[in-house]
C-alpha atoms as a PDB file:
ATOM      1  CA  SER A   1      66.167  -0.251  16.205  1.00  0.00           C
ATOM      2  CA  SER A   2      63.370   1.294  14.074  1.00  0.00           C
ATOM      3  CA  TYR A   3      65.012   4.694  14.157  1.00  0.00           C
ATOM      4  CA  CYS A   4      63.739   7.508  12.098  1.00  0.00           C
ATOM      5  CA  THR A   5      65.983   7.408   8.899  1.00  0.00           C
ATOM      6  CA  SER A   6      66.367   9.443   5.825  1.00  0.00           C
ATOM      7  CA  ILE A   7      68.230   8.460   2.660  1.00  0.00           C
ATOM      8  CA  LEU A   8      69.007  10.490  -0.664  1.00  0.00           C
ATOM      9  CA  GLY A   9      68.056   9.214  -4.103  1.00  0.00           C
ATOM     10  CA  THR A  10      69.290  10.584  -7.198  1.00  0.00           C
ATOM     11  CA  VAL A  11      67.526  10.072 -10.477  1.00  0.00           C
ATOM     12  CA  ALA A  12      69.357   9.565 -13.680  1.00  0.00           C
ATOM     13  CA  GLY A  13      67.130   8.748 -16.667  1.00  0.00           C
ATOM     14  CA  ASP A  14      64.977   5.798 -15.692  1.00  0.00           C
ATOM     15  CA  SER A  15      67.037   4.625 -12.691  1.00  0.00           C
ATOM     16  CA  ILE A  16      67.744   5.978  -9.223  1.00  0.00           C
ATOM     17  CA  SER A  17      70.705   5.391  -6.931  1.00  0.00           C
ATOM     18  CA  PHE A  18      70.922   5.871  -3.251  1.00  0.00           C
ATOM     19  CA  GLY A  19      73.404   7.508  -0.726  1.00  0.00           C
ATOM     20  CA  THR A  20      73.982   6.162   2.865  1.00  0.00           C
ATOM     21  CA  PRO A  21      70.949   6.310   5.244  1.00  0.00           C
ATOM     22  CA  THR A  22      71.038   8.943   7.950  1.00  0.00           C
ATOM     23  CA  VAL A  23      69.148   8.672  11.248  1.00  0.00           C
ATOM     24  CA  PHE A  24      67.214  11.984  12.122  1.00  0.00           C
ATOM     25  CA  PHE A  25      65.800  10.691  15.427  1.00  0.00           C
ATOM     26  CA  SER A  26      67.263   8.014  17.467  1.00  0.00           C
ATOM     27  CA  ALA A  27      63.980   6.304  18.633  1.00  0.00           C
ATOM     28  CA  GLN A  28      61.195   4.215  17.324  1.00  0.00           C
ATOM     29  CA  SER A  29      58.859   6.187  15.544  1.00  0.00           C
ATOM     30  CA  GLY A  30      55.235   5.790  14.238  1.00  0.00           C
ATOM     31  CA  SER A  31      54.113   7.453  10.924  1.00  0.00           C
ATOM     32  CA  ILE A  32      56.722   9.729   9.064  1.00  0.00           C
ATOM     33  CA  SER A  33      55.825  12.395   6.511  1.00  0.00           C
ATOM     34  CA  SER A  34      57.820  14.957   4.770  1.00  0.00           C
ATOM     35  CA  THR A  35      57.784  17.847   2.520  1.00  0.00           C
ATOM     36  CA  TYR A  36      60.034  20.716   0.881  1.00  0.00           C
ATOM     37  CA  ASP A  37      60.130  24.457   2.000  1.00  0.00           C
ATOM     38  CA  PRO A  38      61.583  26.145  -1.158  1.00  0.00           C
ATOM     39  CA  VAL A  39      62.053  29.503   0.663  1.00  0.00           C
ATOM     40  CA  THR A  40      64.523  28.181   3.095  1.00  0.00           C
ATOM     41  CA  ASN A  41      65.756  25.322   0.992  1.00  0.00           C
ATOM     42  CA  ARG A  42      64.940  22.888   3.510  1.00  0.00           C
ATOM     43  CA  THR A  43      63.189  19.499   4.084  1.00  0.00           C
ATOM     44  CA  VAL A  44      60.700  19.212   7.094  1.00  0.00           C
ATOM     45  CA  MET A  45      59.899  15.602   8.462  1.00  0.00           C
ATOM     46  CA  VAL A  46      57.174  15.029  10.900  1.00  0.00           C
ATOM     47  CA  PHE A  47      57.080  11.737  13.045  1.00  0.00           C
ATOM     48  CA  GLU A  48      55.331  10.392  15.944  1.00  0.00           C
ATOM     49  CA  TYR A  49      57.193  10.004  19.076  1.00  0.00           C
ATOM     50  CA  ALA A  50      55.571  10.634  22.674  1.00  0.00           C
ATOM     51  CA  GLY A  51      53.784  13.106  20.667  1.00  0.00           C
ATOM     52  CA  GLY A  52      54.073  14.927  17.365  1.00  0.00           C
ATOM     53  CA  ASN A  53      57.549  16.148  16.345  1.00  0.00           C
ATOM     54  CA  ALA A  54      59.209  17.994  13.460  1.00  0.00           C
ATOM     55  CA  VAL A  55      62.767  18.078  12.252  1.00  0.00           C
ATOM     56  CA  VAL A  56      64.502  20.240   9.712  1.00  0.00           C
ATOM     57  CA  GLY A  57      66.956  18.770   7.275  1.00  0.00           C
ATOM     58  CA  GLU A  58      69.407  20.526   5.019  1.00  0.00           C
ATOM     59  CA  VAL A  59      70.633  18.768   1.774  1.00  0.00           C
ATOM     60  CA  SER A  60      74.272  19.546   0.762  1.00  0.00           C
ATOM     61  CA  GLY A  61      75.859  17.755  -1.987  1.00  0.00           C
ATOM     62  CA  ASN A  62      75.183  13.846  -1.476  1.00  0.00           C
ATOM     63  CA  SER A  63      74.441  14.374   2.092  1.00  0.00           C
ATOM     64  CA  ILE A  64      71.613  15.568   4.488  1.00  0.00           C
ATOM     65  CA  THR A  65      71.930  16.970   7.993  1.00  0.00           C
ATOM     66  CA  PHE A  66      69.314  17.652  10.703  1.00  0.00           C
ATOM     67  CA  GLY A  67      68.430  20.245  13.269  1.00  0.00           C
ATOM     68  CA  THR A  68      67.049  19.290  16.724  1.00  0.00           C
ATOM     69  CA  ALA A  69      63.493  17.802  16.631  1.00  0.00           C
ATOM     70  CA  VAL A  70      60.756  20.127  17.850  1.00  0.00           C
ATOM     71  CA  GLN A  71      57.491  18.891  19.315  1.00  0.00           C
ATOM     72  CA  PHE A  72      54.269  20.473  18.170  1.00  0.00           C
ATOM     73  CA  ASN A  73      52.011  18.245  20.294  1.00  0.00           C
ATOM     74  CA  SER A  74      53.055  16.712  23.611  1.00  0.00           C
ATOM     75  CA  VAL A  75      50.351  14.191  23.726  1.00  0.00           C
ATOM     76  CA  ASN A  76      49.501  11.077  21.764  1.00  0.00           C
ATOM     77  CA  THR A  77      49.564  12.022  18.145  1.00  0.00           C
ATOM     78  CA  SER A  78      49.196   9.694  15.115  1.00  0.00           C
ATOM     79  CA  HIS A  79      48.298   9.670  11.262  1.00  0.00           C
ATOM     80  CA  LEU A  80      50.708  12.543  10.547  1.00  0.00           C
ATOM     81  CA  CYS A  81      51.084  14.250   7.136  1.00  0.00           C
ATOM     82  CA  ILE A  82      52.673  17.435   5.942  1.00  0.00           C
ATOM     83  CA  THR A  83      52.888  19.734   2.952  1.00  0.00           C
ATOM     84  CA  TYR A  84      54.427  23.234   2.049  1.00  0.00           C
ATOM     85  CA  ALA A  85      51.788  26.214   1.714  1.00  0.00           C
ATOM     86  CA  PRO A  86      53.391  28.972  -0.432  1.00  0.00           C
ATOM     87  CA  ALA A  87      50.448  31.105   0.365  1.00  0.00           C
ATOM     88  CA  VAL A  88      51.702  31.791   3.838  1.00  0.00           C
ATOM     89  CA  ASN A  89      55.222  30.383   3.497  1.00  0.00           C
ATOM     90  CA  LYS A  90      54.750  27.716   6.085  1.00  0.00           C
ATOM     91  CA  VAL A  91      54.309  24.113   6.384  1.00  0.00           C
ATOM     92  CA  VAL A  92      50.856  22.597   7.117  1.00  0.00           C
ATOM     93  CA  ILE A  93      50.817  19.548   9.463  1.00  0.00           C
ATOM     94  CA  ALA A  94      47.685  17.529   9.801  1.00  0.00           C
ATOM     95  CA  TYR A  95      47.258  14.830  12.599  1.00  0.00           C
ATOM     96  CA  ARG A  96      44.787  12.921  14.644  1.00  0.00           C
ATOM     97  CA  ASP A  97      45.003  14.432  18.367  1.00  0.00           C
ATOM     98  CA  ASP A  98      44.392  11.134  20.199  1.00  0.00           C
ATOM     99  CA  SER A  99      43.976  13.189  23.488  1.00  0.00           C
ATOM    100  CA  ASN A 100      41.162  15.335  22.034  1.00  0.00           C
ATOM    101  CA  SER A 101      38.727  12.693  21.036  1.00  0.00           C
ATOM    102  CA  ASN A 102      40.633  11.772  18.277  1.00  0.00           C
ATOM    103  CA  TYR A 103      39.903  14.855  16.320  1.00  0.00           C
ATOM    104  CA  GLY A 104      41.535  15.547  13.037  1.00  0.00           C
ATOM    105  CA  THR A 105      43.968  18.737  13.713  1.00  0.00           C
ATOM    106  CA  SER A 106      46.331  21.048  11.962  1.00  0.00           C
ATOM    107  CA  VAL A 107      49.199  23.202  12.995  1.00  0.00           C
ATOM    108  CA  LEU A 108      51.243  25.665  10.781  1.00  0.00           C
ATOM    109  CA  GLY A 109      54.985  25.653  11.143  1.00  0.00           C
ATOM    110  CA  THR A 110      57.483  28.439  10.241  1.00  0.00           C
ATOM    111  CA  VAL A 111      61.075  27.247   9.339  1.00  0.00           C
ATOM    112  CA  SER A 112      64.079  29.448  10.135  1.00  0.00           C
ATOM    113  CA  GLY A 113      67.489  28.025   9.701  1.00  0.00           C
ATOM    114  CA  ASP A 114      67.607  24.621  10.915  1.00  0.00           C
ATOM    115  CA  SER A 115      64.606  25.070  13.388  1.00  0.00           C
ATOM    116  CA  ILE A 116      60.823  25.253  13.132  1.00  0.00           C
ATOM    117  CA  THR A 117      58.211  27.230  15.371  1.00  0.00           C
ATOM    118  CA  PHE A 118      54.372  26.547  15.440  1.00  0.00           C
ATOM    119  CA  ASP A 119      51.098  28.310  15.544  1.00  0.00           C
ATOM    120  CA  SER A 120      48.307  27.121  17.600  1.00  0.00           C
ATOM    121  CA  PRO A 121      46.544  24.007  16.529  1.00  0.00           C
ATOM    122  CA  VAL A 122      43.001  24.178  14.705  1.00  0.00           C
ATOM    123  CA  VAL A 123      40.461  21.302  14.694  1.00  0.00           C
ATOM    124  CA  PHE A 124      39.406  20.589  11.028  1.00  0.00           C
ATOM    125  CA  SER A 125      37.283  17.594  11.807  1.00  0.00           C
ATOM    126  CA  ALA A 126      35.320  16.962  15.163  1.00  0.00           C
ATOM    127  CA  SER A 127      35.302  13.251  14.518  1.00  0.00           C
ATOM    128  CA  ASN A 128      37.560  10.426  14.872  1.00  0.00           C
ATOM    129  CA  SER A 129      40.042  10.964  11.976  1.00  0.00           C
ATOM    130  CA  ARG A 130      42.661   8.436  10.412  1.00  0.00           C
ATOM    131  CA  ASP A 131      44.837   7.722   7.352  1.00  0.00           C
ATOM    132  CA  MET A 132      45.218  11.432   6.562  1.00  0.00           C
ATOM    133  CA  SER A 133      46.969  12.665   3.508  1.00  0.00           C
ATOM    134  CA  ILE A 134      47.330  16.455   2.411  1.00  0.00           C
ATOM    135  CA  ALA A 135      48.256  18.257  -0.561  1.00  0.00           C
ATOM    136  CA  TYR A 136      48.444  21.947  -1.527  1.00  0.00           C
ATOM    137  CA  ASP A 137      46.141  23.215  -4.410  1.00  0.00           C
ATOM    138  CA  ASP A 138      48.258  25.976  -6.268  1.00  0.00           C
ATOM    139  CA  ALA A 139      45.198  27.249  -8.293  1.00  0.00           C
ATOM    140  CA  SER A 140      43.017  27.818  -5.289  1.00  0.00           C
ATOM    141  CA  GLU A 141      45.835  28.517  -2.892  1.00  0.00           C
ATOM    142  CA  ARG A 142      44.233  26.081  -0.533  1.00  0.00           C
ATOM    143  CA  SER A 143      45.091  22.986   1.459  1.00  0.00           C
ATOM    144  CA  VAL A 144      43.232  19.689   0.867  1.00  0.00           C
ATOM    145  CA  ILE A 145      43.132  17.046   3.766  1.00  0.00           C
ATOM    146  CA  VAL A 146      41.655  13.771   3.090  1.00  0.00           C
ATOM    147  CA  TYR A 147      40.881  11.287   5.812  1.00  0.00           C
ATOM    148  CA  ARG A 148      38.809   8.367   6.878  1.00  0.00           C
ATOM    149  CA  ASP A 149      35.991   9.499   9.165  1.00  0.00           C
ATOM    150  CA  GLN A 150      35.891   6.771  11.604  1.00  0.00           C
ATOM    151  CA  ASP A 151      32.626   8.223  13.068  1.00  0.00           C
ATOM    152  CA  ASN A 152      30.925   8.169   9.652  1.00  0.00           C
ATOM    153  CA  SER A 153      31.254   4.581   8.479  1.00  0.00           C
ATOM    154  CA  SER A 154      34.901   5.410   7.649  1.00  0.00           C
ATOM    155  CA  TYR A 155      33.986   7.313   4.557  1.00  0.00           C
ATOM    156  CA  GLY A 156      36.551   8.877   2.484  1.00  0.00           C
ATOM    157  CA  THR A 157      36.322  12.642   3.340  1.00  0.00           C
ATOM    158  CA  ALA A 158      37.992  15.776   2.259  1.00  0.00           C
ATOM    159  CA  VAL A 159      38.352  19.366   3.743  1.00  0.00           C
ATOM    160  CA  LEU A 160      39.830  22.639   2.492  1.00  0.00           C
ATOM    161  CA  GLY A 161      41.929  24.770   4.420  1.00  0.00           C
ATOM    162  CA  GLU A 162      42.205  28.653   3.539  1.00  0.00           C
ATOM    163  CA  PHE A 163      44.847  30.749   4.284  1.00  0.00           C
ATOM    164  CA  SER A 164      44.489  34.499   5.686  1.00  0.00           C
ATOM    165  CA  GLY A 165      46.836  36.758   7.616  1.00  0.00           C
ATOM    166  CA  GLY A 166      49.370  33.879   8.267  1.00  0.00           C
ATOM    167  CA  SER A 167      46.732  31.570   9.739  1.00  0.00           C
ATOM    168  CA  ILE A 168      44.369  28.743   8.392  1.00  0.00           C
ATOM    169  CA  THR A 169      40.511  28.086   8.659  1.00  0.00           C
ATOM    170  CA  PHE A 170      38.734  25.283   7.615  1.00  0.00           C
ATOM    171  CA  GLY A 171      35.291  24.768   5.395  1.00  0.00           C
ATOM    172  CA  SER A 172      32.893  21.838   5.833  1.00  0.00           C
ATOM    173  CA  PRO A 173      34.076  18.364   5.228  1.00  0.00           C
ATOM    174  CA  VAL A 174      32.982  16.607   1.952  1.00  0.00           C
ATOM    175  CA  VAL A 175      32.354  12.874   1.593  1.00  0.00           C
ATOM    176  CA  PHE A 176      34.069  11.722  -1.612  1.00  0.00           C
ATOM    177  CA  SER A 177      33.583   7.922  -1.147  1.00  0.00           C
ATOM    178  CA  ASP A 178      30.528   6.348   0.637  1.00  0.00           C
ATOM    179  CA  SER A 179      32.408   3.238   1.525  1.00  0.00           C
ATOM    180  CA  CYS A 180      35.090   2.040   4.022  1.00  0.00           C
ATOM    181  CA  THR A 181      38.355   3.787   2.843  1.00  0.00           C
ATOM    182  CA  ARG A 182      41.783   3.899   3.866  1.00  0.00           C
ATOM    183  CA  HIS A 183      45.543   4.381   3.038  1.00  0.00           C
ATOM    184  CA  PHE A 184      45.215   7.646   1.225  1.00  0.00           C
ATOM    185  CA  SER A 185      47.950   9.402  -0.672  1.00  0.00           C
ATOM    186  CA  SER A 186      47.239  12.704  -2.463  1.00  0.00           C
ATOM    187  CA  ILE A 187      48.824  15.000  -4.933  1.00  0.00           C
ATOM    188  CA  TYR A 188      48.328  18.227  -6.739  1.00  0.00           C
ATOM    189  CA  GLU A 189      48.429  17.946 -10.669  1.00  0.00           C
ATOM    190  CA  PRO A 190      48.955  21.332 -12.192  1.00  0.00           C
ATOM    191  CA  ALA A 191      48.348  20.573 -15.771  1.00  0.00           C
ATOM    192  CA  ALA A 192      44.746  19.951 -14.802  1.00  0.00           C
ATOM    193  CA  GLU A 193      44.499  21.990 -11.918  1.00  0.00           C
ATOM    194  CA  LYS A 194      43.093  19.162  -9.849  1.00  0.00           C
ATOM    195  CA  VAL A 195      43.879  17.141  -6.766  1.00  0.00           C
ATOM    196  CA  VAL A 196      44.446  13.601  -7.215  1.00  0.00           C
ATOM    197  CA  ILE A 197      43.357  11.162  -4.467  1.00  0.00           C
ATOM    198  CA  ASN A 198      44.315   7.587  -4.112  1.00  0.00           C
ATOM    199  CA  TYR A 199      42.826   5.094  -1.555  1.00  0.00           C
ATOM    200  CA  THR A 200      41.986   1.695  -0.778  1.00  0.00           C
ATOM    201  CA  ASP A 201      38.196   0.876  -1.351  1.00  0.00           C
ATOM    202  CA  ARG A 202      37.143  -1.664   1.154  1.00  0.00           C
END
């Protein structure tokens, strides 16, 4: 039924085996993204259903259990992604706020037990933002959000989020690809102290 579902994988050498799938939200969802909070030892999933939602999962042995989903945006929300920010011990969620001119928006979430609470949202891109990905740069202690700027010829664009006093502020967006880009993924590479961005160049 297109339900939101999670599965645990165990890596052994060059192979991986899987447990039994677990539904964490019994409804059809759009985009899903997840991260790990090492302070609370919990996973956090964000997903699209009648707005933007998050749910906390706890792994024990070979199973995972979930708390109750909490909504961080009650209107149309899409292109969600999430990462953990150790600078503030919070998760950082980026998404397109369809009810606010499709602006790129971010919100911080604090995990406590099996639940999560949210700060006020912050716009990081006053343009139609799509296909987002987010990573945390340990060296600079900043988040890096990459997205397709639909209002600027769909160029690949990145923006830095800086943490101070438990909140986040953003710098000016920087274009990294002056062609139509989409389908982003990004990750921090600690050996080189760089963020690796992958995308489709159309």
